[in-house]
Amino acid sequence: MVRELACQELAKILEQKLPIVLLDVREDWEVEICMIRESVHIPLSELHGRLDELPQDMPLAVICHHGVRSRHAGVFLEEYGFKDVFNVTGGIDIWARQIAPDMMRYD
């Protein structure tokens, strides 16, 4: 079961530079609007063919727009042997509302 990670917790982890990979599974057009600087962008539709780009020995926090695609990606990653996988609750939309209010948002 993919664990949840609140945006506030993710912000603390990134601020403290703790080891974590932030995987953004949104589409290219979404990332053009806004993204978290520290993230690695692999669209969900490409994830299967790009698993070798992700370290298996680090925690992965997966983010999308609202948290649905990232949850699917997290389940997929766990099925392929990734152990420390988190879904970022509320996605980039909540991140923009709570952590980065100057960030552009979209529907």
PDB file of N, CA and C in Angstrom:
ATOM      1  N   MET A   1       0.841  -1.190   0.000  1.00  0.00           N
ATOM      2  CA  MET A   1       0.000   0.000   0.000  1.00  0.00           C
ATOM      3  C   MET A   1       0.881   1.247   0.000  1.00  0.00           C
ATOM      4  N   VAL A   2       0.648   2.120  -0.919  1.00  0.00           N
ATOM      5  CA  VAL A   2       1.425   3.350  -1.031  1.00  0.00           C
ATOM      6  C   VAL A   2       1.064   4.269   0.138  1.00  0.00           C
ATOM      7  N   ARG A   3       2.082   4.737   0.821  1.00  0.00           N
ATOM      8  CA  ARG A   3       1.864   5.642   1.947  1.00  0.00           C
ATOM      9  C   ARG A   3       1.660   7.067   1.449  1.00  0.00           C
ATOM     10  N   GLU A   4       0.965   7.863   2.262  1.00  0.00           N
ATOM     11  CA  GLU A   4       0.698   9.263   1.928  1.00  0.00           C
ATOM     12  C   GLU A   4       1.770  10.161   2.548  1.00  0.00           C
ATOM     13  N   LEU A   5       2.100  11.229   1.855  1.00  0.00           N
ATOM     14  CA  LEU A   5       3.039  12.228   2.344  1.00  0.00           C
ATOM     15  C   LEU A   5       2.403  13.595   2.114  1.00  0.00           C
ATOM     16  N   ALA A   6       2.151  14.314   3.189  1.00  0.00           N
ATOM     17  CA  ALA A   6       1.543  15.642   3.086  1.00  0.00           C
ATOM     18  C   ALA A   6       2.538  16.626   2.475  1.00  0.00           C
ATOM     19  N   CYS A   7       2.011  17.625   1.799  1.00  0.00           N
ATOM     20  CA  CYS A   7       2.866  18.648   1.179  1.00  0.00           C
ATOM     21  C   CYS A   7       3.764  19.322   2.208  1.00  0.00           C
ATOM     22  N   GLN A   8       3.250  19.568   3.405  1.00  0.00           N
ATOM     23  CA  GLN A   8       4.055  20.201   4.451  1.00  0.00           C
ATOM     24  C   GLN A   8       5.245  19.320   4.834  1.00  0.00           C
ATOM     25  N   GLU A   9       5.017  18.011   4.907  1.00  0.00           N
ATOM     26  CA  GLU A   9       6.110  17.088   5.224  1.00  0.00           C
ATOM     27  C   GLU A   9       7.137  17.067   4.100  1.00  0.00           C
ATOM     28  N   LEU A  10       6.665  17.039   2.861  1.00  0.00           N
ATOM     29  CA  LEU A  10       7.577  17.058   1.718  1.00  0.00           C
ATOM     30  C   LEU A  10       8.400  18.340   1.715  1.00  0.00           C
ATOM     31  N   ALA A  11       7.772  19.465   2.002  1.00  0.00           N
ATOM     32  CA  ALA A  11       8.498  20.740   2.035  1.00  0.00           C
ATOM     33  C   ALA A  11       9.629  20.697   3.063  1.00  0.00           C
ATOM     34  N   LYS A  12       9.368  20.120   4.232  1.00  0.00           N
ATOM     35  CA  LYS A  12      10.411  20.003   5.263  1.00  0.00           C
ATOM     36  C   LYS A  12      11.552  19.107   4.798  1.00  0.00           C
ATOM     37  N   ILE A  13      11.211  17.998   4.165  1.00  0.00           N
ATOM     38  CA  ILE A  13      12.234  17.074   3.663  1.00  0.00           C
ATOM     39  C   ILE A  13      13.120  17.766   2.639  1.00  0.00           C
ATOM     40  N   LEU A  14      12.507  18.487   1.705  1.00  0.00           N
ATOM     41  CA  LEU A  14      13.271  19.184   0.672  1.00  0.00           C
ATOM     42  C   LEU A  14      14.103  20.316   1.272  1.00  0.00           C
ATOM     43  N   GLU A  15      13.525  21.029   2.224  1.00  0.00           N
ATOM     44  CA  GLU A  15      14.240  22.134   2.863  1.00  0.00           C
ATOM     45  C   GLU A  15      15.479  21.629   3.610  1.00  0.00           C
ATOM     46  N   GLN A  16      15.341  20.488   4.249  1.00  0.00           N
ATOM     47  CA  GLN A  16      16.453  19.907   5.013  1.00  0.00           C
ATOM     48  C   GLN A  16      17.405  19.104   4.135  1.00  0.00           C
ATOM     49  N   LYS A  17      17.073  19.021   2.843  1.00  0.00           N
ATOM     50  CA  LYS A  17      17.880  18.290   1.867  1.00  0.00           C
ATOM     51  C   LYS A  17      18.096  16.825   2.273  1.00  0.00           C
ATOM     52  N   LEU A  18      17.040  16.232   2.818  1.00  0.00           N
ATOM     53  CA  LEU A  18      17.077  14.815   3.162  1.00  0.00           C
ATOM     54  C   LEU A  18      16.967  13.993   1.877  1.00  0.00           C
ATOM     55  N   PRO A  19      17.479  12.779   1.891  1.00  0.00           N
ATOM     56  CA  PRO A  19      17.465  11.981   0.661  1.00  0.00           C
ATOM     57  C   PRO A  19      16.053  11.545   0.269  1.00  0.00           C
ATOM     58  N   ILE A  20      15.607  12.036  -0.871  1.00  0.00           N
ATOM     59  CA  ILE A  20      14.319  11.650  -1.451  1.00  0.00           C
ATOM     60  C   ILE A  20      14.330  12.058  -2.916  1.00  0.00           C
ATOM     61  N   VAL A  21      13.664  11.283  -3.738  1.00  0.00           N
ATOM     62  CA  VAL A  21      13.467  11.641  -5.142  1.00  0.00           C
ATOM     63  C   VAL A  21      12.012  12.040  -5.291  1.00  0.00           C
ATOM     64  N   LEU A  22      11.784  13.236  -5.797  1.00  0.00           N
ATOM     65  CA  LEU A  22      10.428  13.720  -6.067  1.00  0.00           C
ATOM     66  C   LEU A  22      10.142  13.469  -7.539  1.00  0.00           C
ATOM     67  N   LEU A  23       9.228  12.538  -7.795  1.00  0.00           N
ATOM     68  CA  LEU A  23       8.881  12.139  -9.153  1.00  0.00           C
ATOM     69  C   LEU A  23       7.563  12.783  -9.562  1.00  0.00           C
ATOM     70  N   ASP A  24       7.612  13.610 -10.583  1.00  0.00           N
ATOM     71  CA  ASP A  24       6.429  14.292 -11.111  1.00  0.00           C
ATOM     72  C   ASP A  24       5.936  13.497 -12.320  1.00  0.00           C
ATOM     73  N   VAL A  25       4.726  12.930 -12.226  1.00  0.00           N
ATOM     74  CA  VAL A  25       4.206  12.080 -13.298  1.00  0.00           C
ATOM     75  C   VAL A  25       3.171  12.794 -14.176  1.00  0.00           C
ATOM     76  N   ARG A  26       3.116  14.115 -14.091  1.00  0.00           N
ATOM     77  CA  ARG A  26       2.165  14.874 -14.914  1.00  0.00           C
ATOM     78  C   ARG A  26       2.648  14.942 -16.362  1.00  0.00           C
ATOM     79  N   GLU A  27       1.759  15.386 -17.222  1.00  0.00           N
ATOM     80  CA  GLU A  27       2.077  15.533 -18.642  1.00  0.00           C
ATOM     81  C   GLU A  27       2.982  16.750 -18.864  1.00  0.00           C
ATOM     82  N   ASP A  28       3.641  16.769 -20.026  1.00  0.00           N
ATOM     83  CA  ASP A  28       4.567  17.863 -20.355  1.00  0.00           C
ATOM     84  C   ASP A  28       3.901  19.226 -20.248  1.00  0.00           C
ATOM     85  N   TRP A  29       2.684  19.350 -20.777  1.00  0.00           N
ATOM     86  CA  TRP A  29       2.009  20.653 -20.773  1.00  0.00           C
ATOM     87  C   TRP A  29       1.747  21.133 -19.346  1.00  0.00           C
ATOM     88  N   GLU A  30       1.527  20.212 -18.424  1.00  0.00           N
ATOM     89  CA  GLU A  30       1.284  20.593 -17.032  1.00  0.00           C
ATOM     90  C   GLU A  30       2.564  21.112 -16.378  1.00  0.00           C
ATOM     91  N   VAL A  31       3.664  20.444 -16.671  1.00  0.00           N
ATOM     92  CA  VAL A  31       4.953  20.837 -16.105  1.00  0.00           C
ATOM     93  C   VAL A  31       5.394  22.193 -16.648  1.00  0.00           C
ATOM     94  N   GLU A  32       4.991  22.511 -17.880  1.00  0.00           N
ATOM     95  CA  GLU A  32       5.305  23.825 -18.443  1.00  0.00           C
ATOM     96  C   GLU A  32       4.628  24.948 -17.658  1.00  0.00           C
ATOM     97  N   ILE A  33       3.494  24.663 -17.045  1.00  0.00           N
ATOM     98  CA  ILE A  33       2.772  25.672 -16.260  1.00  0.00           C
ATOM     99  C   ILE A  33       3.442  25.872 -14.907  1.00  0.00           C
ATOM    100  N   CYS A  34       3.760  24.768 -14.244  1.00  0.00           N
ATOM    101  CA  CYS A  34       4.388  24.861 -12.924  1.00  0.00           C
ATOM    102  C   CYS A  34       5.007  23.527 -12.556  1.00  0.00           C
ATOM    103  N   MET A  35       6.043  23.586 -11.738  1.00  0.00           N
ATOM    104  CA  MET A  35       6.653  22.372 -11.211  1.00  0.00           C
ATOM    105  C   MET A  35       7.523  22.729 -10.009  1.00  0.00           C
ATOM    106  N   ILE A  36       7.794  21.753  -9.210  1.00  0.00           N
ATOM    107  CA  ILE A  36       8.703  21.923  -8.080  1.00  0.00           C
ATOM    108  C   ILE A  36      10.111  21.691  -8.611  1.00  0.00           C
ATOM    109  N   ARG A  37      10.969  22.644  -8.375  1.00  0.00           N
ATOM    110  CA  ARG A  37      12.311  22.658  -8.961  1.00  0.00           C
ATOM    111  C   ARG A  37      13.074  21.346  -8.756  1.00  0.00           C
ATOM    112  N   GLU A  38      12.934  20.732  -7.606  1.00  0.00           N
ATOM    113  CA  GLU A  38      13.705  19.530  -7.276  1.00  0.00           C
ATOM    114  C   GLU A  38      13.171  18.253  -7.919  1.00  0.00           C
ATOM    115  N   SER A  39      12.081  18.338  -8.647  1.00  0.00           N
ATOM    116  CA  SER A  39      11.443  17.120  -9.146  1.00  0.00           C
ATOM    117  C   SER A  39      12.090  16.567 -10.410  1.00  0.00           C
ATOM    118  N   VAL A  40      11.911  15.261 -10.573  1.00  0.00           N
ATOM    119  CA  VAL A  40      12.281  14.544 -11.786  1.00  0.00           C
ATOM    120  C   VAL A  40      10.975  14.319 -12.540  1.00  0.00           C
ATOM    121  N   HIS A  41      10.944  14.702 -13.802  1.00  0.00           N
ATOM    122  CA  HIS A  41       9.697  14.595 -14.573  1.00  0.00           C
ATOM    123  C   HIS A  41       9.724  13.372 -15.478  1.00  0.00           C
ATOM    124  N   ILE A  42       8.814  12.438 -15.198  1.00  0.00           N
ATOM    125  CA  ILE A  42       8.566  11.299 -16.081  1.00  0.00           C
ATOM    126  C   ILE A  42       7.049  11.146 -16.161  1.00  0.00           C
ATOM    127  N   PRO A  43       6.438  11.488 -17.297  1.00  0.00           N
ATOM    128  CA  PRO A  43       4.986  11.345 -17.403  1.00  0.00           C
ATOM    129  C   PRO A  43       4.549   9.910 -17.101  1.00  0.00           C
ATOM    130  N   LEU A  44       3.393   9.767 -16.495  1.00  0.00           N
ATOM    131  CA  LEU A  44       2.885   8.449 -16.129  1.00  0.00           C
ATOM    132  C   LEU A  44       2.880   7.499 -17.329  1.00  0.00           C
ATOM    133  N   SER A  45       2.528   8.008 -18.498  1.00  0.00           N
ATOM    134  CA  SER A  45       2.469   7.160 -19.697  1.00  0.00           C
ATOM    135  C   SER A  45       3.831   6.629 -20.119  1.00  0.00           C
ATOM    136  N   GLU A  46       4.918   7.231 -19.642  1.00  0.00           N
ATOM    137  CA  GLU A  46       6.275   6.806 -20.002  1.00  0.00           C
ATOM    138  C   GLU A  46       6.972   6.044 -18.876  1.00  0.00           C
ATOM    139  N   LEU A  47       6.338   5.958 -17.734  1.00  0.00           N
ATOM    140  CA  LEU A  47       7.003   5.423 -16.544  1.00  0.00           C
ATOM    141  C   LEU A  47       7.525   4.003 -16.745  1.00  0.00           C
ATOM    142  N   HIS A  48       6.727   3.131 -17.334  1.00  0.00           N
ATOM    143  CA  HIS A  48       7.138   1.739 -17.508  1.00  0.00           C
ATOM    144  C   HIS A  48       8.477   1.621 -18.238  1.00  0.00           C
ATOM    145  N   GLY A  49       8.667   2.419 -19.271  1.00  0.00           N
ATOM    146  CA  GLY A  49       9.891   2.351 -20.064  1.00  0.00           C
ATOM    147  C   GLY A  49      11.064   3.130 -19.498  1.00  0.00           C
ATOM    148  N   ARG A  50      10.851   3.828 -18.398  1.00  0.00           N
ATOM    149  CA  ARG A  50      11.919   4.679 -17.851  1.00  0.00           C
ATOM    150  C   ARG A  50      12.241   4.362 -16.388  1.00  0.00           C
ATOM    151  N   LEU A  51      11.867   3.186 -15.932  1.00  0.00           N
ATOM    152  CA  LEU A  51      12.112   2.805 -14.539  1.00  0.00           C
ATOM    153  C   LEU A  51      13.590   2.832 -14.182  1.00  0.00           C
ATOM    154  N   ASP A  52      14.445   2.570 -15.161  1.00  0.00           N
ATOM    155  CA  ASP A  52      15.884   2.545 -14.893  1.00  0.00           C
ATOM    156  C   ASP A  52      16.445   3.928 -14.548  1.00  0.00           C
ATOM    157  N   GLU A  53      15.660   4.979 -14.733  1.00  0.00           N
ATOM    158  CA  GLU A  53      16.095   6.336 -14.384  1.00  0.00           C
ATOM    159  C   GLU A  53      15.874   6.650 -12.900  1.00  0.00           C
ATOM    160  N   LEU A  54      15.217   5.737 -12.193  1.00  0.00           N
ATOM    161  CA  LEU A  54      14.888   5.979 -10.785  1.00  0.00           C
ATOM    162  C   LEU A  54      15.712   5.072  -9.882  1.00  0.00           C
ATOM    163  N   PRO A  55      16.273   5.635  -8.816  1.00  0.00           N
ATOM    164  CA  PRO A  55      17.042   4.796  -7.887  1.00  0.00           C
ATOM    165  C   PRO A  55      16.107   3.945  -7.029  1.00  0.00           C
ATOM    166  N   GLN A  56      16.489   2.693  -6.827  1.00  0.00           N
ATOM    167  CA  GLN A  56      15.674   1.817  -5.984  1.00  0.00           C
ATOM    168  C   GLN A  56      16.080   1.903  -4.518  1.00  0.00           C
ATOM    169  N   ASP A  57      17.170   2.589  -4.237  1.00  0.00           N
ATOM    170  CA  ASP A  57      17.669   2.641  -2.867  1.00  0.00           C
ATOM    171  C   ASP A  57      17.376   3.966  -2.159  1.00  0.00           C
ATOM    172  N   MET A  58      16.479   4.759  -2.717  1.00  0.00           N
ATOM    173  CA  MET A  58      16.080   6.024  -2.103  1.00  0.00           C
ATOM    174  C   MET A  58      14.568   6.100  -2.030  1.00  0.00           C
ATOM    175  N   PRO A  59      14.037   6.824  -1.046  1.00  0.00           N
ATOM    176  CA  PRO A  59      12.589   7.031  -1.003  1.00  0.00           C
ATOM    177  C   PRO A  59      12.133   7.822  -2.237  1.00  0.00           C
ATOM    178  N   LEU A  60      10.933   7.486  -2.725  1.00  0.00           N
ATOM    179  CA  LEU A  60      10.331   8.182  -3.859  1.00  0.00           C
ATOM    180  C   LEU A  60       9.034   8.827  -3.405  1.00  0.00           C
ATOM    181  N   ALA A  61       8.914  10.127  -3.637  1.00  0.00           N
ATOM    182  CA  ALA A  61       7.657  10.834  -3.415  1.00  0.00           C
ATOM    183  C   ALA A  61       7.100  11.143  -4.797  1.00  0.00           C
ATOM    184  N   VAL A  62       5.896  10.664  -5.076  1.00  0.00           N
ATOM    185  CA  VAL A  62       5.310  10.806  -6.409  1.00  0.00           C
ATOM    186  C   VAL A  62       4.212  11.864  -6.348  1.00  0.00           C
ATOM    187  N   ILE A  63       4.266  12.799  -7.309  1.00  0.00           N
ATOM    188  CA  ILE A  63       3.314  13.905  -7.335  1.00  0.00           C
ATOM    189  C   ILE A  63       2.673  14.028  -8.710  1.00  0.00           C
ATOM    190  N   CYS A  64       1.416  14.456  -8.711  1.00  0.00           N
ATOM    191  CA  CYS A  64       0.708  14.786  -9.954  1.00  0.00           C
ATOM    192  C   CYS A  64      -0.109  16.046  -9.669  1.00  0.00           C
ATOM    193  N   HIS A  65      -1.228  16.217 -10.335  1.00  0.00           N
ATOM    194  CA  HIS A  65      -2.022  17.427 -10.128  1.00  0.00           C
ATOM    195  C   HIS A  65      -2.801  17.387  -8.816  1.00  0.00           C
ATOM    196  N   HIS A  66      -3.538  16.298  -8.577  1.00  0.00           N
ATOM    197  CA  HIS A  66      -4.345  16.200  -7.362  1.00  0.00           C
ATOM    198  C   HIS A  66      -4.065  14.969  -6.520  1.00  0.00           C
ATOM    199  N   GLY A  67      -3.273  14.029  -7.014  1.00  0.00           N
ATOM    200  CA  GLY A  67      -2.920  12.853  -6.235  1.00  0.00           C
ATOM    201  C   GLY A  67      -3.450  11.533  -6.749  1.00  0.00           C
ATOM    202  N   VAL A  68      -4.198  11.544  -7.845  1.00  0.00           N
ATOM    203  CA  VAL A  68      -4.765  10.300  -8.370  1.00  0.00           C
ATOM    204  C   VAL A  68      -3.732   9.555  -9.226  1.00  0.00           C
ATOM    205  N   ARG A  69      -3.175  10.227 -10.218  1.00  0.00           N
ATOM    206  CA  ARG A  69      -2.172   9.573 -11.072  1.00  0.00           C
ATOM    207  C   ARG A  69      -0.946   9.168 -10.274  1.00  0.00           C
ATOM    208  N   SER A  70      -0.572   9.994  -9.302  1.00  0.00           N
ATOM    209  CA  SER A  70       0.602   9.666  -8.492  1.00  0.00           C
ATOM    210  C   SER A  70       0.355   8.420  -7.640  1.00  0.00           C
ATOM    211  N   ARG A  71      -0.872   8.234  -7.179  1.00  0.00           N
ATOM    212  CA  ARG A  71      -1.198   7.016  -6.432  1.00  0.00           C
ATOM    213  C   ARG A  71      -1.065   5.794  -7.354  1.00  0.00           C
ATOM    214  N   HIS A  72      -1.597   5.893  -8.577  1.00  0.00           N
ATOM    215  CA  HIS A  72      -1.456   4.794  -9.538  1.00  0.00           C
ATOM    216  C   HIS A  72       0.021   4.517  -9.822  1.00  0.00           C
ATOM    217  N   ALA A  73       0.789   5.574  -9.998  1.00  0.00           N
ATOM    218  CA  ALA A  73       2.229   5.410 -10.247  1.00  0.00           C
ATOM    219  C   ALA A  73       2.900   4.745  -9.053  1.00  0.00           C
ATOM    220  N   GLY A  74       2.515   5.124  -7.850  1.00  0.00           N
ATOM    221  CA  GLY A  74       3.101   4.530  -6.648  1.00  0.00           C
ATOM    222  C   GLY A  74       2.826   3.040  -6.559  1.00  0.00           C
ATOM    223  N   VAL A  75       1.597   2.641  -6.837  1.00  0.00           N
ATOM    224  CA  VAL A  75       1.247   1.215  -6.836  1.00  0.00           C
ATOM    225  C   VAL A  75       2.084   0.482  -7.882  1.00  0.00           C
ATOM    226  N   PHE A  76       2.197   1.066  -9.064  1.00  0.00           N
ATOM    227  CA  PHE A  76       2.992   0.486 -10.146  1.00  0.00           C
ATOM    228  C   PHE A  76       4.451   0.323  -9.709  1.00  0.00           C
ATOM    229  N   LEU A  77       5.015   1.367  -9.104  1.00  0.00           N
ATOM    230  CA  LEU A  77       6.413   1.311  -8.671  1.00  0.00           C
ATOM    231  C   LEU A  77       6.623   0.228  -7.622  1.00  0.00           C
ATOM    232  N   GLU A  78       5.697   0.105  -6.697  1.00  0.00           N
ATOM    233  CA  GLU A  78       5.811  -0.944  -5.685  1.00  0.00           C
ATOM    234  C   GLU A  78       5.759  -2.330  -6.328  1.00  0.00           C
ATOM    235  N   GLU A  79       4.913  -2.494  -7.329  1.00  0.00           N
ATOM    236  CA  GLU A  79       4.828  -3.773  -8.035  1.00  0.00           C
ATOM    237  C   GLU A  79       6.144  -4.122  -8.722  1.00  0.00           C
ATOM    238  N   TYR A  80       6.926  -3.106  -9.087  1.00  0.00           N
ATOM    239  CA  TYR A  80       8.212  -3.321  -9.733  1.00  0.00           C
ATOM    240  C   TYR A  80       9.382  -3.281  -8.741  1.00  0.00           C
ATOM    241  N   GLY A  81       9.093  -3.423  -7.473  1.00  0.00           N
ATOM    242  CA  GLY A  81      10.150  -3.611  -6.490  1.00  0.00           C
ATOM    243  C   GLY A  81      10.632  -2.383  -5.749  1.00  0.00           C
ATOM    244  N   PHE A  82      10.073  -1.220  -6.034  1.00  0.00           N
ATOM    245  CA  PHE A  82      10.466  -0.030  -5.281  1.00  0.00           C
ATOM    246  C   PHE A  82       9.841  -0.128  -3.888  1.00  0.00           C
ATOM    247  N   LYS A  83      10.645   0.100  -2.854  1.00  0.00           N
ATOM    248  CA  LYS A  83      10.215  -0.170  -1.485  1.00  0.00           C
ATOM    249  C   LYS A  83       9.648   1.034  -0.749  1.00  0.00           C
ATOM    250  N   ASP A  84      10.256   2.166  -0.906  1.00  0.00           N
ATOM    251  CA  ASP A  84       9.925   3.357  -0.112  1.00  0.00           C
ATOM    252  C   ASP A  84       9.199   4.366  -0.994  1.00  0.00           C
ATOM    253  N   VAL A  85       7.900   4.146  -1.240  1.00  0.00           N
ATOM    254  CA  VAL A  85       7.141   4.968  -2.182  1.00  0.00           C
ATOM    255  C   VAL A  85       6.028   5.713  -1.438  1.00  0.00           C
ATOM    256  N   PHE A  86       5.925   7.014  -1.718  1.00  0.00           N
ATOM    257  CA  PHE A  86       4.923   7.862  -1.084  1.00  0.00           C
ATOM    258  C   PHE A  86       4.128   8.603  -2.150  1.00  0.00           C
ATOM    259  N   ASN A  87       2.835   8.760  -1.912  1.00  0.00           N
ATOM    260  CA  ASN A  87       1.983   9.593  -2.746  1.00  0.00           C
ATOM    261  C   ASN A  87       1.867  10.958  -2.080  1.00  0.00           C
ATOM    262  N   VAL A  88       2.167  12.022  -2.811  1.00  0.00           N
ATOM    263  CA  VAL A  88       2.055  13.371  -2.249  1.00  0.00           C
ATOM    264  C   VAL A  88       0.573  13.755  -2.259  1.00  0.00           C
ATOM    265  N   THR A  89       0.009  13.834  -1.074  1.00  0.00           N
ATOM    266  CA  THR A  89      -1.416  14.081  -0.888  1.00  0.00           C
ATOM    267  C   THR A  89      -1.823  15.440  -1.464  1.00  0.00           C
ATOM    268  N   GLY A  90      -2.798  15.421  -2.355  1.00  0.00           N
ATOM    269  CA  GLY A  90      -3.318  16.667  -2.922  1.00  0.00           C
ATOM    270  C   GLY A  90      -2.537  17.196  -4.097  1.00  0.00           C
ATOM    271  N   GLY A  91      -1.363  16.634  -4.357  1.00  0.00           N
ATOM    272  CA  GLY A  91      -0.573  16.984  -5.529  1.00  0.00           C
ATOM    273  C   GLY A  91      -0.077  18.420  -5.584  1.00  0.00           C
ATOM    274  N   ILE A  92       0.282  18.817  -6.789  1.00  0.00           N
ATOM    275  CA  ILE A  92       0.844  20.154  -7.019  1.00  0.00           C
ATOM    276  C   ILE A  92      -0.179  21.245  -6.721  1.00  0.00           C
ATOM    277  N   ASP A  93      -1.455  20.918  -6.796  1.00  0.00           N
ATOM    278  CA  ASP A  93      -2.481  21.906  -6.508  1.00  0.00           C
ATOM    279  C   ASP A  93      -2.423  22.316  -5.033  1.00  0.00           C
ATOM    280  N   ILE A  94      -2.348  21.348  -4.132  1.00  0.00           N
ATOM    281  CA  ILE A  94      -2.237  21.669  -2.705  1.00  0.00           C
ATOM    282  C   ILE A  94      -0.882  22.297  -2.407  1.00  0.00           C
ATOM    283  N   TRP A  95       0.179  21.830  -3.080  1.00  0.00           N
ATOM    284  CA  TRP A  95       1.504  22.432  -2.899  1.00  0.00           C
ATOM    285  C   TRP A  95       1.422  23.933  -3.210  1.00  0.00           C
ATOM    286  N   ALA A  96       0.796  24.277  -4.320  1.00  0.00           N
ATOM    287  CA  ALA A  96       0.684  25.687  -4.708  1.00  0.00           C
ATOM    288  C   ALA A  96      -0.155  26.472  -3.705  1.00  0.00           C
ATOM    289  N   ARG A  97      -1.191  25.877  -3.190  1.00  0.00           N
ATOM    290  CA  ARG A  97      -2.058  26.572  -2.231  1.00  0.00           C
ATOM    291  C   ARG A  97      -1.394  26.756  -0.868  1.00  0.00           C
ATOM    292  N   GLN A  98      -0.687  25.727  -0.397  1.00  0.00           N
ATOM    293  CA  GLN A  98      -0.190  25.744   0.976  1.00  0.00           C
ATOM    294  C   GLN A  98       1.290  26.090   1.112  1.00  0.00           C
ATOM    295  N   ILE A  99       2.098  25.739   0.135  1.00  0.00           N
ATOM    296  CA  ILE A  99       3.543  25.901   0.263  1.00  0.00           C
ATOM    297  C   ILE A  99       4.080  27.032  -0.606  1.00  0.00           C
ATOM    298  N   ALA A 100       3.584  27.121  -1.829  1.00  0.00           N
ATOM    299  CA  ALA A 100       4.114  28.090  -2.800  1.00  0.00           C
ATOM    300  C   ALA A 100       2.967  28.889  -3.404  1.00  0.00           C
ATOM    301  N   PRO A 101       2.388  29.822  -2.641  1.00  0.00           N
ATOM    302  CA  PRO A 101       1.208  30.542  -3.129  1.00  0.00           C
ATOM    303  C   PRO A 101       1.448  31.387  -4.382  1.00  0.00           C
ATOM    304  N   ASP A 102       2.693  31.652  -4.729  1.00  0.00           N
ATOM    305  CA  ASP A 102       2.994  32.401  -5.958  1.00  0.00           C
ATOM    306  C   ASP A 102       3.038  31.506  -7.195  1.00  0.00           C
ATOM    307  N   MET A 103       2.995  30.202  -6.988  1.00  0.00           N
ATOM    308  CA  MET A 103       3.070  29.240  -8.095  1.00  0.00           C
ATOM    309  C   MET A 103       1.792  29.312  -8.929  1.00  0.00           C
ATOM    310  N   MET A 104       1.926  29.256 -10.236  1.00  0.00           N
ATOM    311  CA  MET A 104       0.754  29.219 -11.116  1.00  0.00           C
ATOM    312  C   MET A 104      -0.014  27.940 -10.869  1.00  0.00           C
ATOM    313  N   ARG A 105      -1.335  28.030 -10.975  1.00  0.00           N
ATOM    314  CA  ARG A 105      -2.200  26.872 -10.825  1.00  0.00           C
ATOM    315  C   ARG A 105      -3.032  26.710 -12.082  1.00  0.00           C
ATOM    316  N   TYR A 106      -3.609  25.549 -12.252  1.00  0.00           N
ATOM    317  CA  TYR A 106      -4.463  25.259 -13.412  1.00  0.00           C
ATOM    318  C   TYR A 106      -5.546  24.279 -13.005  1.00  0.00           C
ATOM    319  N   ASP A 107      -6.587  24.195 -13.832  1.00  0.00           N
ATOM    320  CA  ASP A 107      -7.705  23.278 -13.557  1.00  0.00           C
ATOM    321  C   ASP A 107      -7.536  21.980 -14.305  1.00  0.00           C
TER     322      ASP A 107
END
